PDBML (XML) file of the C-alpha atoms, coordinates in Angstrom:
<?xml version="1.0" encoding="UTF-8" ?>
<PDBx:datablock datablockName="MODEL"
   xmlns:PDBx="http://pdbml.pdb.org/schema/pdbx-v50.xsd"
   xmlns:xsi="http://www.w3.org/2001/XMLSchema-instance"
   xsi:schemaLocation="http://pdbml.pdb.org/schema/pdbx-v50.xsd pdbx-v50.xsd">
   <PDBx:atom_siteCategory>
      <PDBx:atom_site id="1">
         <PDBx:B_iso_or_equiv>0.00</PDBx:B_iso_or_equiv>
         <PDBx:Cartn_x>-12.721</PDBx:Cartn_x>
         <PDBx:Cartn_y>20.234</PDBx:Cartn_y>
         <PDBx:Cartn_z>8.370</PDBx:Cartn_z>
         <PDBx:auth_asym_id>A</PDBx:auth_asym_id>
         <PDBx:auth_atom_id>CA</PDBx:auth_atom_id>
         <PDBx:auth_comp_id>ASN</PDBx:auth_comp_id>
         <PDBx:auth_seq_id>1</PDBx:auth_seq_id>
         <PDBx:group_PDB>ATOM</PDBx:group_PDB>
         <PDBx:label_alt_id xsi:nil="true" />
         <PDBx:label_asym_id>A</PDBx:label_asym_id>
         <PDBx:label_atom_id>CA</PDBx:label_atom_id>
         <PDBx:label_comp_id>ASN</PDBx:label_comp_id>
         <PDBx:label_entity_id>1</PDBx:label_entity_id>
         <PDBx:label_seq_id>1</PDBx:label_seq_id>
         <PDBx:occupancy>1.00</PDBx:occupancy>
         <PDBx:pdbx_PDB_model_num>1</PDBx:pdbx_PDB_model_num>
         <PDBx:type_symbol>C</PDBx:type_symbol>
      </PDBx:atom_site>
      <PDBx:atom_site id="2">
         <PDBx:B_iso_or_equiv>0.00</PDBx:B_iso_or_equiv>
         <PDBx:Cartn_x>-13.055</PDBx:Cartn_x>
         <PDBx:Cartn_y>18.632</PDBx:Cartn_y>
         <PDBx:Cartn_z>4.954</PDBx:Cartn_z>
         <PDBx:auth_asym_id>A</PDBx:auth_asym_id>
         <PDBx:auth_atom_id>CA</PDBx:auth_atom_id>
         <PDBx:auth_comp_id>ILE</PDBx:auth_comp_id>
         <PDBx:auth_seq_id>2</PDBx:auth_seq_id>
         <PDBx:group_PDB>ATOM</PDBx:group_PDB>
         <PDBx:label_alt_id xsi:nil="true" />
         <PDBx:label_asym_id>A</PDBx:label_asym_id>
         <PDBx:label_atom_id>CA</PDBx:label_atom_id>
         <PDBx:label_comp_id>ILE</PDBx:label_comp_id>
         <PDBx:label_entity_id>1</PDBx:label_entity_id>
         <PDBx:label_seq_id>2</PDBx:label_seq_id>
         <PDBx:occupancy>1.00</PDBx:occupancy>
         <PDBx:pdbx_PDB_model_num>1</PDBx:pdbx_PDB_model_num>
         <PDBx:type_symbol>C</PDBx:type_symbol>
      </PDBx:atom_site>
      <PDBx:atom_site id="3">
         <PDBx:B_iso_or_equiv>0.00</PDBx:B_iso_or_equiv>
         <PDBx:Cartn_x>-16.403</PDBx:Cartn_x>
         <PDBx:Cartn_y>16.778</PDBx:Cartn_y>
         <PDBx:Cartn_z>4.828</PDBx:Cartn_z>
         <PDBx:auth_asym_id>A</PDBx:auth_asym_id>
         <PDBx:auth_atom_id>CA</PDBx:auth_atom_id>
         <PDBx:auth_comp_id>VAL</PDBx:auth_comp_id>
         <PDBx:auth_seq_id>3</PDBx:auth_seq_id>
         <PDBx:group_PDB>ATOM</PDBx:group_PDB>
         <PDBx:label_alt_id xsi:nil="true" />
         <PDBx:label_asym_id>A</PDBx:label_asym_id>
         <PDBx:label_atom_id>CA</PDBx:label_atom_id>
         <PDBx:label_comp_id>VAL</PDBx:label_comp_id>
         <PDBx:label_entity_id>1</PDBx:label_entity_id>
         <PDBx:label_seq_id>3</PDBx:label_seq_id>
         <PDBx:occupancy>1.00</PDBx:occupancy>
         <PDBx:pdbx_PDB_model_num>1</PDBx:pdbx_PDB_model_num>
         <PDBx:type_symbol>C</PDBx:type_symbol>
      </PDBx:atom_site>
      <PDBx:atom_site id="4">
         <PDBx:B_iso_or_equiv>0.00</PDBx:B_iso_or_equiv>
         <PDBx:Cartn_x>-17.318</PDBx:Cartn_x>
         <PDBx:Cartn_y>13.931</PDBx:Cartn_y>
         <PDBx:Cartn_z>2.518</PDBx:Cartn_z>
         <PDBx:auth_asym_id>A</PDBx:auth_asym_id>
         <PDBx:auth_atom_id>CA</PDBx:auth_atom_id>
         <PDBx:auth_comp_id>ILE</PDBx:auth_comp_id>
         <PDBx:auth_seq_id>4</PDBx:auth_seq_id>
         <PDBx:group_PDB>ATOM</PDBx:group_PDB>
         <PDBx:label_alt_id xsi:nil="true" />
         <PDBx:label_asym_id>A</PDBx:label_asym_id>
         <PDBx:label_atom_id>CA</PDBx:label_atom_id>
         <PDBx:label_comp_id>ILE</PDBx:label_comp_id>
         <PDBx:label_entity_id>1</PDBx:label_entity_id>
         <PDBx:label_seq_id>4</PDBx:label_seq_id>
         <PDBx:occupancy>1.00</PDBx:occupancy>
         <PDBx:pdbx_PDB_model_num>1</PDBx:pdbx_PDB_model_num>
         <PDBx:type_symbol>C</PDBx:type_symbol>
      </PDBx:atom_site>
      <PDBx:atom_site id="5">
         <PDBx:B_iso_or_equiv>0.00</PDBx:B_iso_or_equiv>
         <PDBx:Cartn_x>-20.828</PDBx:Cartn_x>
         <PDBx:Cartn_y>12.505</PDBx:Cartn_y>
         <PDBx:Cartn_z>2.300</PDBx:Cartn_z>
         <PDBx:auth_asym_id>A</PDBx:auth_asym_id>
         <PDBx:auth_atom_id>CA</PDBx:auth_atom_id>
         <PDBx:auth_comp_id>LYS</PDBx:auth_comp_id>
         <PDBx:auth_seq_id>5</PDBx:auth_seq_id>
         <PDBx:group_PDB>ATOM</PDBx:group_PDB>
         <PDBx:label_alt_id xsi:nil="true" />
         <PDBx:label_asym_id>A</PDBx:label_asym_id>
         <PDBx:label_atom_id>CA</PDBx:label_atom_id>
         <PDBx:label_comp_id>LYS</PDBx:label_comp_id>
         <PDBx:label_entity_id>1</PDBx:label_entity_id>
         <PDBx:label_seq_id>5</PDBx:label_seq_id>
         <PDBx:occupancy>1.00</PDBx:occupancy>
         <PDBx:pdbx_PDB_model_num>1</PDBx:pdbx_PDB_model_num>
         <PDBx:type_symbol>C</PDBx:type_symbol>
      </PDBx:atom_site>
      <PDBx:atom_site id="6">
         <PDBx:B_iso_or_equiv>0.00</PDBx:B_iso_or_equiv>
         <PDBx:Cartn_x>-21.346</PDBx:Cartn_x>
         <PDBx:Cartn_y>9.441</PDBx:Cartn_y>
         <PDBx:Cartn_z>0.225</PDBx:Cartn_z>
         <PDBx:auth_asym_id>A</PDBx:auth_asym_id>
         <PDBx:auth_atom_id>CA</PDBx:auth_atom_id>
         <PDBx:auth_comp_id>ALA</PDBx:auth_comp_id>
         <PDBx:auth_seq_id>6</PDBx:auth_seq_id>
         <PDBx:group_PDB>ATOM</PDBx:group_PDB>
         <PDBx:label_alt_id xsi:nil="true" />
         <PDBx:label_asym_id>A</PDBx:label_asym_id>
         <PDBx:label_atom_id>CA</PDBx:label_atom_id>
         <PDBx:label_comp_id>ALA</PDBx:label_comp_id>
         <PDBx:label_entity_id>1</PDBx:label_entity_id>
         <PDBx:label_seq_id>6</PDBx:label_seq_id>
         <PDBx:occupancy>1.00</PDBx:occupancy>
         <PDBx:pdbx_PDB_model_num>1</PDBx:pdbx_PDB_model_num>
         <PDBx:type_symbol>C</PDBx:type_symbol>
      </PDBx:atom_site>
      <PDBx:atom_site id="7">
         <PDBx:B_iso_or_equiv>0.00</PDBx:B_iso_or_equiv>
         <PDBx:Cartn_x>-24.650</PDBx:Cartn_x>
         <PDBx:Cartn_y>7.771</PDBx:Cartn_y>
         <PDBx:Cartn_z>-0.759</PDBx:Cartn_z>
         <PDBx:auth_asym_id>A</PDBx:auth_asym_id>
         <PDBx:auth_atom_id>CA</PDBx:auth_atom_id>
         <PDBx:auth_comp_id>ASP</PDBx:auth_comp_id>
         <PDBx:auth_seq_id>7</PDBx:auth_seq_id>
         <PDBx:group_PDB>ATOM</PDBx:group_PDB>
         <PDBx:label_alt_id xsi:nil="true" />
         <PDBx:label_asym_id>A</PDBx:label_asym_id>
         <PDBx:label_atom_id>CA</PDBx:label_atom_id>
         <PDBx:label_comp_id>ASP</PDBx:label_comp_id>
         <PDBx:label_entity_id>1</PDBx:label_entity_id>
         <PDBx:label_seq_id>7</PDBx:label_seq_id>
         <PDBx:occupancy>1.00</PDBx:occupancy>
         <PDBx:pdbx_PDB_model_num>1</PDBx:pdbx_PDB_model_num>
         <PDBx:type_symbol>C</PDBx:type_symbol>
      </PDBx:atom_site>
      <PDBx:atom_site id="8">
         <PDBx:B_iso_or_equiv>0.00</PDBx:B_iso_or_equiv>
         <PDBx:Cartn_x>-24.275</PDBx:Cartn_x>
         <PDBx:Cartn_y>4.028</PDBx:Cartn_y>
         <PDBx:Cartn_z>-0.114</PDBx:Cartn_z>
         <PDBx:auth_asym_id>A</PDBx:auth_asym_id>
         <PDBx:auth_atom_id>CA</PDBx:auth_atom_id>
         <PDBx:auth_comp_id>LEU</PDBx:auth_comp_id>
         <PDBx:auth_seq_id>8</PDBx:auth_seq_id>
         <PDBx:group_PDB>ATOM</PDBx:group_PDB>
         <PDBx:label_alt_id xsi:nil="true" />
         <PDBx:label_asym_id>A</PDBx:label_asym_id>
         <PDBx:label_atom_id>CA</PDBx:label_atom_id>
         <PDBx:label_comp_id>LEU</PDBx:label_comp_id>
         <PDBx:label_entity_id>1</PDBx:label_entity_id>
         <PDBx:label_seq_id>8</PDBx:label_seq_id>
         <PDBx:occupancy>1.00</PDBx:occupancy>
         <PDBx:pdbx_PDB_model_num>1</PDBx:pdbx_PDB_model_num>
         <PDBx:type_symbol>C</PDBx:type_symbol>
      </PDBx:atom_site>
      <PDBx:atom_site id="9">
         <PDBx:B_iso_or_equiv>0.00</PDBx:B_iso_or_equiv>
         <PDBx:Cartn_x>-27.803</PDBx:Cartn_x>
         <PDBx:Cartn_y>2.632</PDBx:Cartn_y>
         <PDBx:Cartn_z>0.008</PDBx:Cartn_z>
         <PDBx:auth_asym_id>A</PDBx:auth_asym_id>
         <PDBx:auth_atom_id>CA</PDBx:auth_atom_id>
         <PDBx:auth_comp_id>PRO</PDBx:auth_comp_id>
         <PDBx:auth_seq_id>9</PDBx:auth_seq_id>
         <PDBx:group_PDB>ATOM</PDBx:group_PDB>
         <PDBx:label_alt_id xsi:nil="true" />
         <PDBx:label_asym_id>A</PDBx:label_asym_id>
         <PDBx:label_atom_id>CA</PDBx:label_atom_id>
         <PDBx:label_comp_id>PRO</PDBx:label_comp_id>
         <PDBx:label_entity_id>1</PDBx:label_entity_id>
         <PDBx:label_seq_id>9</PDBx:label_seq_id>
         <PDBx:occupancy>1.00</PDBx:occupancy>
         <PDBx:pdbx_PDB_model_num>1</PDBx:pdbx_PDB_model_num>
         <PDBx:type_symbol>C</PDBx:type_symbol>
      </PDBx:atom_site>
      <PDBx:atom_site id="10">
         <PDBx:B_iso_or_equiv>0.00</PDBx:B_iso_or_equiv>
         <PDBx:Cartn_x>-27.912</PDBx:Cartn_x>
         <PDBx:Cartn_y>-1.092</PDBx:Cartn_y>
         <PDBx:Cartn_z>0.506</PDBx:Cartn_z>
         <PDBx:auth_asym_id>A</PDBx:auth_asym_id>
         <PDBx:auth_atom_id>CA</PDBx:auth_atom_id>
         <PDBx:auth_comp_id>GLY</PDBx:auth_comp_id>
         <PDBx:auth_seq_id>10</PDBx:auth_seq_id>
         <PDBx:group_PDB>ATOM</PDBx:group_PDB>
         <PDBx:label_alt_id xsi:nil="true" />
         <PDBx:label_asym_id>A</PDBx:label_asym_id>
         <PDBx:label_atom_id>CA</PDBx:label_atom_id>
         <PDBx:label_comp_id>GLY</PDBx:label_comp_id>
         <PDBx:label_entity_id>1</PDBx:label_entity_id>
         <PDBx:label_seq_id>10</PDBx:label_seq_id>
         <PDBx:occupancy>1.00</PDBx:occupancy>
         <PDBx:pdbx_PDB_model_num>1</PDBx:pdbx_PDB_model_num>
         <PDBx:type_symbol>C</PDBx:type_symbol>
      </PDBx:atom_site>
      <PDBx:atom_site id="11">
         <PDBx:B_iso_or_equiv>0.00</PDBx:B_iso_or_equiv>
         <PDBx:Cartn_x>-24.293</PDBx:Cartn_x>
         <PDBx:Cartn_y>-1.388</PDBx:Cartn_y>
         <PDBx:Cartn_z>1.600</PDBx:Cartn_z>
         <PDBx:auth_asym_id>A</PDBx:auth_asym_id>
         <PDBx:auth_atom_id>CA</PDBx:auth_atom_id>
         <PDBx:auth_comp_id>VAL</PDBx:auth_comp_id>
         <PDBx:auth_seq_id>11</PDBx:auth_seq_id>
         <PDBx:group_PDB>ATOM</PDBx:group_PDB>
         <PDBx:label_alt_id xsi:nil="true" />
         <PDBx:label_asym_id>A</PDBx:label_asym_id>
         <PDBx:label_atom_id>CA</PDBx:label_atom_id>
         <PDBx:label_comp_id>VAL</PDBx:label_comp_id>
         <PDBx:label_entity_id>1</PDBx:label_entity_id>
         <PDBx:label_seq_id>11</PDBx:label_seq_id>
         <PDBx:occupancy>1.00</PDBx:occupancy>
         <PDBx:pdbx_PDB_model_num>1</PDBx:pdbx_PDB_model_num>
         <PDBx:type_symbol>C</PDBx:type_symbol>
      </PDBx:atom_site>
      <PDBx:atom_site id="12">
         <PDBx:B_iso_or_equiv>0.00</PDBx:B_iso_or_equiv>
         <PDBx:Cartn_x>-23.648</PDBx:Cartn_x>
         <PDBx:Cartn_y>-3.090</PDBx:Cartn_y>
         <PDBx:Cartn_z>4.931</PDBx:Cartn_z>
         <PDBx:auth_asym_id>A</PDBx:auth_asym_id>
         <PDBx:auth_atom_id>CA</PDBx:auth_atom_id>
         <PDBx:auth_comp_id>ASP</PDBx:auth_comp_id>
         <PDBx:auth_seq_id>12</PDBx:auth_seq_id>
         <PDBx:group_PDB>ATOM</PDBx:group_PDB>
         <PDBx:label_alt_id xsi:nil="true" />
         <PDBx:label_asym_id>A</PDBx:label_asym_id>
         <PDBx:label_atom_id>CA</PDBx:label_atom_id>
         <PDBx:label_comp_id>ASP</PDBx:label_comp_id>
         <PDBx:label_entity_id>1</PDBx:label_entity_id>
         <PDBx:label_seq_id>12</PDBx:label_seq_id>
         <PDBx:occupancy>1.00</PDBx:occupancy>
         <PDBx:pdbx_PDB_model_num>1</PDBx:pdbx_PDB_model_num>
         <PDBx:type_symbol>C</PDBx:type_symbol>
      </PDBx:atom_site>
      <PDBx:atom_site id="13">
         <PDBx:B_iso_or_equiv>0.00</PDBx:B_iso_or_equiv>
         <PDBx:Cartn_x>-21.525</PDBx:Cartn_x>
         <PDBx:Cartn_y>-1.089</PDBx:Cartn_y>
         <PDBx:Cartn_z>7.354</PDBx:Cartn_z>
         <PDBx:auth_asym_id>A</PDBx:auth_asym_id>
         <PDBx:auth_atom_id>CA</PDBx:auth_atom_id>
         <PDBx:auth_comp_id>LYS</PDBx:auth_comp_id>
         <PDBx:auth_seq_id>13</PDBx:auth_seq_id>
         <PDBx:group_PDB>ATOM</PDBx:group_PDB>
         <PDBx:label_alt_id xsi:nil="true" />
         <PDBx:label_asym_id>A</PDBx:label_asym_id>
         <PDBx:label_atom_id>CA</PDBx:label_atom_id>
         <PDBx:label_comp_id>LYS</PDBx:label_comp_id>
         <PDBx:label_entity_id>1</PDBx:label_entity_id>
         <PDBx:label_seq_id>13</PDBx:label_seq_id>
         <PDBx:occupancy>1.00</PDBx:occupancy>
         <PDBx:pdbx_PDB_model_num>1</PDBx:pdbx_PDB_model_num>
         <PDBx:type_symbol>C</PDBx:type_symbol>
      </PDBx:atom_site>
      <PDBx:atom_site id="14">
         <PDBx:B_iso_or_equiv>0.00</PDBx:B_iso_or_equiv>
         <PDBx:Cartn_x>-18.958</PDBx:Cartn_x>
         <PDBx:Cartn_y>-3.874</PDBx:Cartn_y>
         <PDBx:Cartn_z>7.661</PDBx:Cartn_z>
         <PDBx:auth_asym_id>A</PDBx:auth_asym_id>
         <PDBx:auth_atom_id>CA</PDBx:auth_atom_id>
         <PDBx:auth_comp_id>LYS</PDBx:auth_comp_id>
         <PDBx:auth_seq_id>14</PDBx:auth_seq_id>
         <PDBx:group_PDB>ATOM</PDBx:group_PDB>
         <PDBx:label_alt_id xsi:nil="true" />
         <PDBx:label_asym_id>A</PDBx:label_asym_id>
         <PDBx:label_atom_id>CA</PDBx:label_atom_id>
         <PDBx:label_comp_id>LYS</PDBx:label_comp_id>
         <PDBx:label_entity_id>1</PDBx:label_entity_id>
         <PDBx:label_seq_id>14</PDBx:label_seq_id>
         <PDBx:occupancy>1.00</PDBx:occupancy>
         <PDBx:pdbx_PDB_model_num>1</PDBx:pdbx_PDB_model_num>
         <PDBx:type_symbol>C</PDBx:type_symbol>
      </PDBx:atom_site>
      <PDBx:atom_site id="15">
         <PDBx:B_iso_or_equiv>0.00</PDBx:B_iso_or_equiv>
         <PDBx:Cartn_x>-18.357</PDBx:Cartn_x>
         <PDBx:Cartn_y>-3.692</PDBx:Cartn_y>
         <PDBx:Cartn_z>3.898</PDBx:Cartn_z>
         <PDBx:auth_asym_id>A</PDBx:auth_asym_id>
         <PDBx:auth_atom_id>CA</PDBx:auth_atom_id>
         <PDBx:auth_comp_id>ASP</PDBx:auth_comp_id>
         <PDBx:auth_seq_id>15</PDBx:auth_seq_id>
         <PDBx:group_PDB>ATOM</PDBx:group_PDB>
         <PDBx:label_alt_id xsi:nil="true" />
         <PDBx:label_asym_id>A</PDBx:label_asym_id>
         <PDBx:label_atom_id>CA</PDBx:label_atom_id>
         <PDBx:label_comp_id>ASP</PDBx:label_comp_id>
         <PDBx:label_entity_id>1</PDBx:label_entity_id>
         <PDBx:label_seq_id>15</PDBx:label_seq_id>
         <PDBx:occupancy>1.00</PDBx:occupancy>
         <PDBx:pdbx_PDB_model_num>1</PDBx:pdbx_PDB_model_num>
         <PDBx:type_symbol>C</PDBx:type_symbol>
      </PDBx:atom_site>
      <PDBx:atom_site id="16">
         <PDBx:B_iso_or_equiv>0.00</PDBx:B_iso_or_equiv>
         <PDBx:Cartn_x>-17.229</PDBx:Cartn_x>
         <PDBx:Cartn_y>-0.053</PDBx:Cartn_y>
         <PDBx:Cartn_z>3.915</PDBx:Cartn_z>
         <PDBx:auth_asym_id>A</PDBx:auth_asym_id>
         <PDBx:auth_atom_id>CA</PDBx:auth_atom_id>
         <PDBx:auth_comp_id>ILE</PDBx:auth_comp_id>
         <PDBx:auth_seq_id>16</PDBx:auth_seq_id>
         <PDBx:group_PDB>ATOM</PDBx:group_PDB>
         <PDBx:label_alt_id xsi:nil="true" />
         <PDBx:label_asym_id>A</PDBx:label_asym_id>
         <PDBx:label_atom_id>CA</PDBx:label_atom_id>
         <PDBx:label_comp_id>ILE</PDBx:label_comp_id>
         <PDBx:label_entity_id>1</PDBx:label_entity_id>
         <PDBx:label_seq_id>16</PDBx:label_seq_id>
         <PDBx:occupancy>1.00</PDBx:occupancy>
         <PDBx:pdbx_PDB_model_num>1</PDBx:pdbx_PDB_model_num>
         <PDBx:type_symbol>C</PDBx:type_symbol>
      </PDBx:atom_site>
      <PDBx:atom_site id="17">
         <PDBx:B_iso_or_equiv>0.00</PDBx:B_iso_or_equiv>
         <PDBx:Cartn_x>-13.598</PDBx:Cartn_x>
         <PDBx:Cartn_y>0.870</PDBx:Cartn_y>
         <PDBx:Cartn_z>4.156</PDBx:Cartn_z>
         <PDBx:auth_asym_id>A</PDBx:auth_asym_id>
         <PDBx:auth_atom_id>CA</PDBx:auth_atom_id>
         <PDBx:auth_comp_id>HIS</PDBx:auth_comp_id>
         <PDBx:auth_seq_id>17</PDBx:auth_seq_id>
         <PDBx:group_PDB>ATOM</PDBx:group_PDB>
         <PDBx:label_alt_id xsi:nil="true" />
         <PDBx:label_asym_id>A</PDBx:label_asym_id>
         <PDBx:label_atom_id>CA</PDBx:label_atom_id>
         <PDBx:label_comp_id>HIS</PDBx:label_comp_id>
         <PDBx:label_entity_id>1</PDBx:label_entity_id>
         <PDBx:label_seq_id>17</PDBx:label_seq_id>
         <PDBx:occupancy>1.00</PDBx:occupancy>
         <PDBx:pdbx_PDB_model_num>1</PDBx:pdbx_PDB_model_num>
         <PDBx:type_symbol>C</PDBx:type_symbol>
      </PDBx:atom_site>
      <PDBx:atom_site id="18">
         <PDBx:B_iso_or_equiv>0.00</PDBx:B_iso_or_equiv>
         <PDBx:Cartn_x>-11.992</PDBx:Cartn_x>
         <PDBx:Cartn_y>4.310</PDBx:Cartn_y>
         <PDBx:Cartn_z>4.630</PDBx:Cartn_z>
         <PDBx:auth_asym_id>A</PDBx:auth_asym_id>
         <PDBx:auth_atom_id>CA</PDBx:auth_atom_id>
         <PDBx:auth_comp_id>VAL</PDBx:auth_comp_id>
         <PDBx:auth_seq_id>18</PDBx:auth_seq_id>
         <PDBx:group_PDB>ATOM</PDBx:group_PDB>
         <PDBx:label_alt_id xsi:nil="true" />
         <PDBx:label_asym_id>A</PDBx:label_asym_id>
         <PDBx:label_atom_id>CA</PDBx:label_atom_id>
         <PDBx:label_comp_id>VAL</PDBx:label_comp_id>
         <PDBx:label_entity_id>1</PDBx:label_entity_id>
         <PDBx:label_seq_id>18</PDBx:label_seq_id>
         <PDBx:occupancy>1.00</PDBx:occupancy>
         <PDBx:pdbx_PDB_model_num>1</PDBx:pdbx_PDB_model_num>
         <PDBx:type_symbol>C</PDBx:type_symbol>
      </PDBx:atom_site>
      <PDBx:atom_site id="19">
         <PDBx:B_iso_or_equiv>0.00</PDBx:B_iso_or_equiv>
         <PDBx:Cartn_x>-8.225</PDBx:Cartn_x>
         <PDBx:Cartn_y>4.569</PDBx:Cartn_y>
         <PDBx:Cartn_z>4.160</PDBx:Cartn_z>
         <PDBx:auth_asym_id>A</PDBx:auth_asym_id>
         <PDBx:auth_atom_id>CA</PDBx:auth_atom_id>
         <PDBx:auth_comp_id>ASP</PDBx:auth_comp_id>
         <PDBx:auth_seq_id>19</PDBx:auth_seq_id>
         <PDBx:group_PDB>ATOM</PDBx:group_PDB>
         <PDBx:label_alt_id xsi:nil="true" />
         <PDBx:label_asym_id>A</PDBx:label_asym_id>
         <PDBx:label_atom_id>CA</PDBx:label_atom_id>
         <PDBx:label_comp_id>ASP</PDBx:label_comp_id>
         <PDBx:label_entity_id>1</PDBx:label_entity_id>
         <PDBx:label_seq_id>19</PDBx:label_seq_id>
         <PDBx:occupancy>1.00</PDBx:occupancy>
         <PDBx:pdbx_PDB_model_num>1</PDBx:pdbx_PDB_model_num>
         <PDBx:type_symbol>C</PDBx:type_symbol>
      </PDBx:atom_site>
      <PDBx:atom_site id="20">
         <PDBx:B_iso_or_equiv>0.00</PDBx:B_iso_or_equiv>
         <PDBx:Cartn_x>-5.833</PDBx:Cartn_x>
         <PDBx:Cartn_y>7.539</PDBx:Cartn_y>
         <PDBx:Cartn_z>4.202</PDBx:Cartn_z>
         <PDBx:auth_asym_id>A</PDBx:auth_asym_id>
         <PDBx:auth_atom_id>CA</PDBx:auth_atom_id>
         <PDBx:auth_comp_id>LEU</PDBx:auth_comp_id>
         <PDBx:auth_seq_id>20</PDBx:auth_seq_id>
         <PDBx:group_PDB>ATOM</PDBx:group_PDB>
         <PDBx:label_alt_id xsi:nil="true" />
         <PDBx:label_asym_id>A</PDBx:label_asym_id>
         <PDBx:label_atom_id>CA</PDBx:label_atom_id>
         <PDBx:label_comp_id>LEU</PDBx:label_comp_id>
         <PDBx:label_entity_id>1</PDBx:label_entity_id>
         <PDBx:label_seq_id>20</PDBx:label_seq_id>
         <PDBx:occupancy>1.00</PDBx:occupancy>
         <PDBx:pdbx_PDB_model_num>1</PDBx:pdbx_PDB_model_num>
         <PDBx:type_symbol>C</PDBx:type_symbol>
      </PDBx:atom_site>
      <PDBx:atom_site id="21">
         <PDBx:B_iso_or_equiv>0.00</PDBx:B_iso_or_equiv>
         <PDBx:Cartn_x>-2.464</PDBx:Cartn_x>
         <PDBx:Cartn_y>7.407</PDBx:Cartn_y>
         <PDBx:Cartn_z>2.564</PDBx:Cartn_z>
         <PDBx:auth_asym_id>A</PDBx:auth_asym_id>
         <PDBx:auth_atom_id>CA</PDBx:auth_atom_id>
         <PDBx:auth_comp_id>ASN</PDBx:auth_comp_id>
         <PDBx:auth_seq_id>21</PDBx:auth_seq_id>
         <PDBx:group_PDB>ATOM</PDBx:group_PDB>
         <PDBx:label_alt_id xsi:nil="true" />
         <PDBx:label_asym_id>A</PDBx:label_asym_id>
         <PDBx:label_atom_id>CA</PDBx:label_atom_id>
         <PDBx:label_comp_id>ASN</PDBx:label_comp_id>
         <PDBx:label_entity_id>1</PDBx:label_entity_id>
         <PDBx:label_seq_id>21</PDBx:label_seq_id>
         <PDBx:occupancy>1.00</PDBx:occupancy>
         <PDBx:pdbx_PDB_model_num>1</PDBx:pdbx_PDB_model_num>
         <PDBx:type_symbol>C</PDBx:type_symbol>
      </PDBx:atom_site>
      <PDBx:atom_site id="22">
         <PDBx:B_iso_or_equiv>0.00</PDBx:B_iso_or_equiv>
         <PDBx:Cartn_x>-0.749</PDBx:Cartn_x>
         <PDBx:Cartn_y>10.734</PDBx:Cartn_y>
         <PDBx:Cartn_z>2.676</PDBx:Cartn_z>
         <PDBx:auth_asym_id>A</PDBx:auth_asym_id>
         <PDBx:auth_atom_id>CA</PDBx:auth_atom_id>
         <PDBx:auth_comp_id>GLY</PDBx:auth_comp_id>
         <PDBx:auth_seq_id>22</PDBx:auth_seq_id>
         <PDBx:group_PDB>ATOM</PDBx:group_PDB>
         <PDBx:label_alt_id xsi:nil="true" />
         <PDBx:label_asym_id>A</PDBx:label_asym_id>
         <PDBx:label_atom_id>CA</PDBx:label_atom_id>
         <PDBx:label_comp_id>GLY</PDBx:label_comp_id>
         <PDBx:label_entity_id>1</PDBx:label_entity_id>
         <PDBx:label_seq_id>22</PDBx:label_seq_id>
         <PDBx:occupancy>1.00</PDBx:occupancy>
         <PDBx:pdbx_PDB_model_num>1</PDBx:pdbx_PDB_model_num>
         <PDBx:type_symbol>C</PDBx:type_symbol>
      </PDBx:atom_site>
      <PDBx:atom_site id="23">
         <PDBx:B_iso_or_equiv>0.00</PDBx:B_iso_or_equiv>
         <PDBx:Cartn_x>-3.156</PDBx:Cartn_x>
         <PDBx:Cartn_y>13.189</PDBx:Cartn_y>
         <PDBx:Cartn_z>1.078</PDBx:Cartn_z>
         <PDBx:auth_asym_id>A</PDBx:auth_asym_id>
         <PDBx:auth_atom_id>CA</PDBx:auth_atom_id>
         <PDBx:auth_comp_id>ARG</PDBx:auth_comp_id>
         <PDBx:auth_seq_id>23</PDBx:auth_seq_id>
         <PDBx:group_PDB>ATOM</PDBx:group_PDB>
         <PDBx:label_alt_id xsi:nil="true" />
         <PDBx:label_asym_id>A</PDBx:label_asym_id>
         <PDBx:label_atom_id>CA</PDBx:label_atom_id>
         <PDBx:label_comp_id>ARG</PDBx:label_comp_id>
         <PDBx:label_entity_id>1</PDBx:label_entity_id>
         <PDBx:label_seq_id>23</PDBx:label_seq_id>
         <PDBx:occupancy>1.00</PDBx:occupancy>
         <PDBx:pdbx_PDB_model_num>1</PDBx:pdbx_PDB_model_num>
         <PDBx:type_symbol>C</PDBx:type_symbol>
      </PDBx:atom_site>
      <PDBx:atom_site id="24">
         <PDBx:B_iso_or_equiv>0.00</PDBx:B_iso_or_equiv>
         <PDBx:Cartn_x>-5.205</PDBx:Cartn_x>
         <PDBx:Cartn_y>10.521</PDBx:Cartn_y>
         <PDBx:Cartn_z>-0.673</PDBx:Cartn_z>
         <PDBx:auth_asym_id>A</PDBx:auth_asym_id>
         <PDBx:auth_atom_id>CA</PDBx:auth_atom_id>
         <PDBx:auth_comp_id>VAL</PDBx:auth_comp_id>
         <PDBx:auth_seq_id>24</PDBx:auth_seq_id>
         <PDBx:group_PDB>ATOM</PDBx:group_PDB>
         <PDBx:label_alt_id xsi:nil="true" />
         <PDBx:label_asym_id>A</PDBx:label_asym_id>
         <PDBx:label_atom_id>CA</PDBx:label_atom_id>
         <PDBx:label_comp_id>VAL</PDBx:label_comp_id>
         <PDBx:label_entity_id>1</PDBx:label_entity_id>
         <PDBx:label_seq_id>24</PDBx:label_seq_id>
         <PDBx:occupancy>1.00</PDBx:occupancy>
         <PDBx:pdbx_PDB_model_num>1</PDBx:pdbx_PDB_model_num>
         <PDBx:type_symbol>C</PDBx:type_symbol>
      </PDBx:atom_site>
      <PDBx:atom_site id="25">
         <PDBx:B_iso_or_equiv>0.00</PDBx:B_iso_or_equiv>
         <PDBx:Cartn_x>-8.445</PDBx:Cartn_x>
         <PDBx:Cartn_y>9.360</PDBx:Cartn_y>
         <PDBx:Cartn_z>1.034</PDBx:Cartn_z>
         <PDBx:auth_asym_id>A</PDBx:auth_asym_id>
         <PDBx:auth_atom_id>CA</PDBx:auth_atom_id>
         <PDBx:auth_comp_id>LEU</PDBx:auth_comp_id>
         <PDBx:auth_seq_id>25</PDBx:auth_seq_id>
         <PDBx:group_PDB>ATOM</PDBx:group_PDB>
         <PDBx:label_alt_id xsi:nil="true" />
         <PDBx:label_asym_id>A</PDBx:label_asym_id>
         <PDBx:label_atom_id>CA</PDBx:label_atom_id>
         <PDBx:label_comp_id>LEU</PDBx:label_comp_id>
         <PDBx:label_entity_id>1</PDBx:label_entity_id>
         <PDBx:label_seq_id>25</PDBx:label_seq_id>
         <PDBx:occupancy>1.00</PDBx:occupancy>
         <PDBx:pdbx_PDB_model_num>1</PDBx:pdbx_PDB_model_num>
         <PDBx:type_symbol>C</PDBx:type_symbol>
      </PDBx:atom_site>
   </PDBx:atom_siteCategory>
</PDBx:datablock>
């Protein structure tokens, strides 16, 4: 696996978007 951990304090879960286009996340 490739693992990414991002610190997003104070961000509501519904306001987070994860998109993959080819090899670009």
